[in-house]
Amino acid sequence: MKKFWQGLSMAVLGILIGVQTALAQVFPVDTASTTTISNVKADIVAWGVVFIGVALTIYAYKRVKSLVR
């Protein structure tokens, strides 16, 4: 079981290192420009709203499905 967790942690670490360059392109940050930073903040808020919407949709689906039964 210990080898499983070691392998899993190494896989997660490898994925995070590989994704780092992709995230740099999704959220380009230029410290000299405040508009870029505000754009990044807006993107993060937008993604947060999307994730909350998905979570509420899944919750509502499960709730309605349980009421119908």
N, C-alpha and C. Protein backbone atom coordinates (compact mmCIF):
# COMPACT_ATOMS: atom_id res chain seq x y z
N MET A 1 0.83 -1.20 0.00
CA MET A 1 0.00 0.00 0.00
C MET A 1 0.87 1.26 0.00
N LYS A 2 2.02 1.16 0.67
CA LYS A 2 2.91 2.32 0.74
C LYS A 2 3.46 2.67 -0.65
N LYS A 3 3.76 1.64 -1.44
CA LYS A 3 4.27 1.88 -2.79
C LYS A 3 3.21 2.54 -3.67
N PHE A 4 1.96 2.18 -3.43
CA PHE A 4 0.87 2.80 -4.19
C PHE A 4 0.84 4.30 -3.94
N TRP A 5 0.90 4.72 -2.68
CA TRP A 5 0.85 6.14 -2.34
C TRP A 5 2.08 6.88 -2.84
N GLN A 6 3.23 6.21 -2.80
CA GLN A 6 4.45 6.83 -3.33
C GLN A 6 4.31 7.04 -4.84
N GLY A 7 3.81 6.04 -5.53
CA GLY A 7 3.62 6.15 -6.97
C GLY A 7 2.59 7.22 -7.31
N LEU A 8 1.52 7.27 -6.55
CA LEU A 8 0.49 8.28 -6.77
C LEU A 8 1.03 9.68 -6.54
N SER A 9 1.80 9.85 -5.47
CA SER A 9 2.34 11.18 -5.19
C SER A 9 3.33 11.60 -6.28
N MET A 10 4.11 10.69 -6.78
CA MET A 10 5.04 11.02 -7.86
C MET A 10 4.28 11.37 -9.14
N ALA A 11 3.19 10.67 -9.40
CA ALA A 11 2.38 10.97 -10.59
C ALA A 11 1.77 12.37 -10.47
N VAL A 12 1.25 12.69 -9.29
CA VAL A 12 0.66 14.02 -9.09
C VAL A 12 1.73 15.09 -9.24
N LEU A 13 2.90 14.86 -8.69
CA LEU A 13 4.00 15.82 -8.81
C LEU A 13 4.38 16.01 -10.27
N GLY A 14 4.46 14.94 -11.02
CA GLY A 14 4.78 15.04 -12.45
C GLY A 14 3.74 15.81 -13.22
N ILE A 15 2.48 15.57 -12.89
CA ILE A 15 1.40 16.29 -13.57
C ILE A 15 1.47 17.78 -13.25
N LEU A 16 1.71 18.11 -11.97
CA LEU A 16 1.79 19.51 -11.58
C LEU A 16 2.93 20.23 -12.27
N ILE A 17 4.06 19.57 -12.40
CA ILE A 17 5.19 20.19 -13.09
C ILE A 17 4.87 20.38 -14.56
N GLY A 18 4.21 19.42 -15.17
CA GLY A 18 3.85 19.53 -16.58
C GLY A 18 2.80 20.59 -16.82
N VAL A 19 1.89 20.77 -15.88
CA VAL A 19 0.80 21.74 -16.05
C VAL A 19 1.27 23.16 -15.78
N GLN A 20 2.37 23.31 -15.08
CA GLN A 20 2.85 24.64 -14.70
C GLN A 20 3.02 25.55 -15.92
N THR A 21 3.59 25.05 -16.99
CA THR A 21 3.78 25.88 -18.18
C THR A 21 2.45 26.20 -18.85
N ALA A 22 1.51 25.26 -18.80
CA ALA A 22 0.19 25.52 -19.38
C ALA A 22 -0.55 26.59 -18.59
N LEU A 23 -0.43 26.56 -17.28
CA LEU A 23 -1.10 27.57 -16.45
C LEU A 23 -0.49 28.95 -16.66
N ALA A 24 0.79 28.99 -16.97
CA ALA A 24 1.43 30.28 -17.23
C ALA A 24 0.81 30.94 -18.46
N GLN A 25 0.34 30.14 -19.41
CA GLN A 25 -0.30 30.69 -20.60
C GLN A 25 -1.75 31.05 -20.36
N VAL A 26 -2.42 30.36 -19.43
CA VAL A 26 -3.82 30.66 -19.12
C VAL A 26 -3.93 31.95 -18.34
N PHE A 27 -3.01 32.16 -17.38
CA PHE A 27 -3.02 33.35 -16.55
C PHE A 27 -1.72 34.12 -16.76
N PRO A 28 -1.60 34.85 -17.87
CA PRO A 28 -0.36 35.61 -18.08
C PRO A 28 -0.32 36.82 -17.14
N VAL A 29 0.71 36.91 -16.33
CA VAL A 29 0.82 37.99 -15.36
C VAL A 29 2.02 38.86 -15.70
N ASP A 30 1.75 40.12 -15.90
CA ASP A 30 2.80 41.10 -16.11
C ASP A 30 2.75 42.07 -14.94
N THR A 31 3.78 42.07 -14.11
CA THR A 31 3.75 42.87 -12.89
C THR A 31 3.79 44.37 -13.18
N ALA A 32 4.21 44.77 -14.37
CA ALA A 32 4.27 46.19 -14.71
C ALA A 32 2.90 46.74 -15.07
N SER A 33 1.97 45.87 -15.40
CA SER A 33 0.64 46.31 -15.83
C SER A 33 -0.41 45.86 -14.82
N THR A 34 -1.17 46.81 -14.30
CA THR A 34 -2.22 46.45 -13.34
C THR A 34 -3.45 45.89 -14.03
N THR A 35 -3.63 46.20 -15.32
CA THR A 35 -4.80 45.67 -16.02
C THR A 35 -4.70 44.17 -16.20
N THR A 36 -3.50 43.66 -16.41
CA THR A 36 -3.32 42.21 -16.55
C THR A 36 -3.68 41.52 -15.25
N ILE A 37 -3.25 42.09 -14.12
CA ILE A 37 -3.54 41.48 -12.83
C ILE A 37 -5.04 41.51 -12.57
N SER A 38 -5.71 42.58 -12.92
CA SER A 38 -7.16 42.63 -12.72
C SER A 38 -7.85 41.64 -13.66
N ASN A 39 -7.30 41.43 -14.85
CA ASN A 39 -7.87 40.42 -15.75
C ASN A 39 -7.73 39.03 -15.15
N VAL A 40 -6.60 38.75 -14.52
CA VAL A 40 -6.39 37.45 -13.89
C VAL A 40 -7.38 37.28 -12.75
N LYS A 41 -7.59 38.33 -11.96
CA LYS A 41 -8.56 38.26 -10.87
C LYS A 41 -9.96 37.98 -11.42
N ALA A 42 -10.31 38.64 -12.50
CA ALA A 42 -11.62 38.41 -13.12
C ALA A 42 -11.74 36.99 -13.63
N ASP A 43 -10.68 36.45 -14.22
CA ASP A 43 -10.69 35.06 -14.70
C ASP A 43 -10.88 34.09 -13.54
N ILE A 44 -10.20 34.34 -12.43
CA ILE A 44 -10.32 33.45 -11.28
C ILE A 44 -11.73 33.49 -10.72
N VAL A 45 -12.31 34.67 -10.63
CA VAL A 45 -13.69 34.80 -10.15
C VAL A 45 -14.65 34.09 -11.10
N ALA A 46 -14.43 34.25 -12.40
CA ALA A 46 -15.30 33.60 -13.38
C ALA A 46 -15.22 32.08 -13.26
N TRP A 47 -14.03 31.53 -13.11
CA TRP A 47 -13.88 30.08 -12.95
C TRP A 47 -14.53 29.62 -11.65
N GLY A 48 -14.41 30.43 -10.61
CA GLY A 48 -15.06 30.08 -9.34
C GLY A 48 -16.56 30.01 -9.48
N VAL A 49 -17.14 30.97 -10.20
CA VAL A 49 -18.58 30.96 -10.44
C VAL A 49 -18.99 29.73 -11.24
N VAL A 50 -18.19 29.36 -12.21
CA VAL A 50 -18.48 28.17 -13.02
C VAL A 50 -18.46 26.92 -12.14
N PHE A 51 -17.44 26.77 -11.30
CA PHE A 51 -17.35 25.58 -10.44
C PHE A 51 -18.51 25.53 -9.44
N ILE A 52 -18.89 26.68 -8.89
CA ILE A 52 -20.03 26.70 -7.97
C ILE A 52 -21.31 26.32 -8.71
N GLY A 53 -21.46 26.82 -9.92
CA GLY A 53 -22.64 26.47 -10.72
C GLY A 53 -22.72 24.99 -11.01
N VAL A 54 -21.59 24.39 -11.35
CA VAL A 54 -21.56 22.95 -11.62
C VAL A 54 -21.91 22.17 -10.35
N ALA A 55 -21.33 22.58 -9.22
CA ALA A 55 -21.61 21.88 -7.96
C ALA A 55 -23.09 21.99 -7.59
N LEU A 56 -23.68 23.18 -7.76
CA LEU A 56 -25.10 23.35 -7.46
C LEU A 56 -25.98 22.55 -8.42
N THR A 57 -25.57 22.46 -9.67
CA THR A 57 -26.34 21.67 -10.65
C THR A 57 -26.33 20.20 -10.27
N ILE A 58 -25.17 19.69 -9.89
CA ILE A 58 -25.08 18.28 -9.48
C ILE A 58 -25.91 18.04 -8.23
N TYR A 59 -25.83 18.95 -7.26
CA TYR A 59 -26.61 18.82 -6.04
C TYR A 59 -28.11 18.83 -6.35
N ALA A 60 -28.55 19.77 -7.18
CA ALA A 60 -29.97 19.86 -7.52
C ALA A 60 -30.43 18.61 -8.26
N TYR A 61 -29.61 18.09 -9.16
CA TYR A 61 -29.97 16.88 -9.89
C TYR A 61 -30.17 15.71 -8.93
N LYS A 62 -29.23 15.54 -8.00
CA LYS A 62 -29.34 14.45 -7.04
C LYS A 62 -30.55 14.65 -6.13
N ARG A 63 -30.82 15.88 -5.75
CA ARG A 63 -31.96 16.17 -4.86
C ARG A 63 -33.28 15.87 -5.57
N VAL A 64 -33.41 16.33 -6.81
CA VAL A 64 -34.63 16.08 -7.56
C VAL A 64 -34.80 14.59 -7.83
N LYS A 65 -33.69 13.93 -8.16
CA LYS A 65 -33.75 12.48 -8.43
C LYS A 65 -34.21 11.73 -7.19
N SER A 66 -33.76 12.14 -6.00
CA SER A 66 -34.19 11.46 -4.78
C SER A 66 -35.66 11.78 -4.46
N LEU A 67 -36.14 12.96 -4.81
CA LEU A 67 -37.53 13.30 -4.56
C LEU A 67 -38.49 12.55 -5.49
N VAL A 68 -38.03 12.28 -6.71
CA VAL A 68 -38.87 11.61 -7.69
C VAL A 68 -39.06 10.15 -7.33
N ARG A 69 -38.06 9.55 -6.73
CA ARG A 69 -38.15 8.12 -6.37
C ARG A 69 -39.20 7.86 -5.35
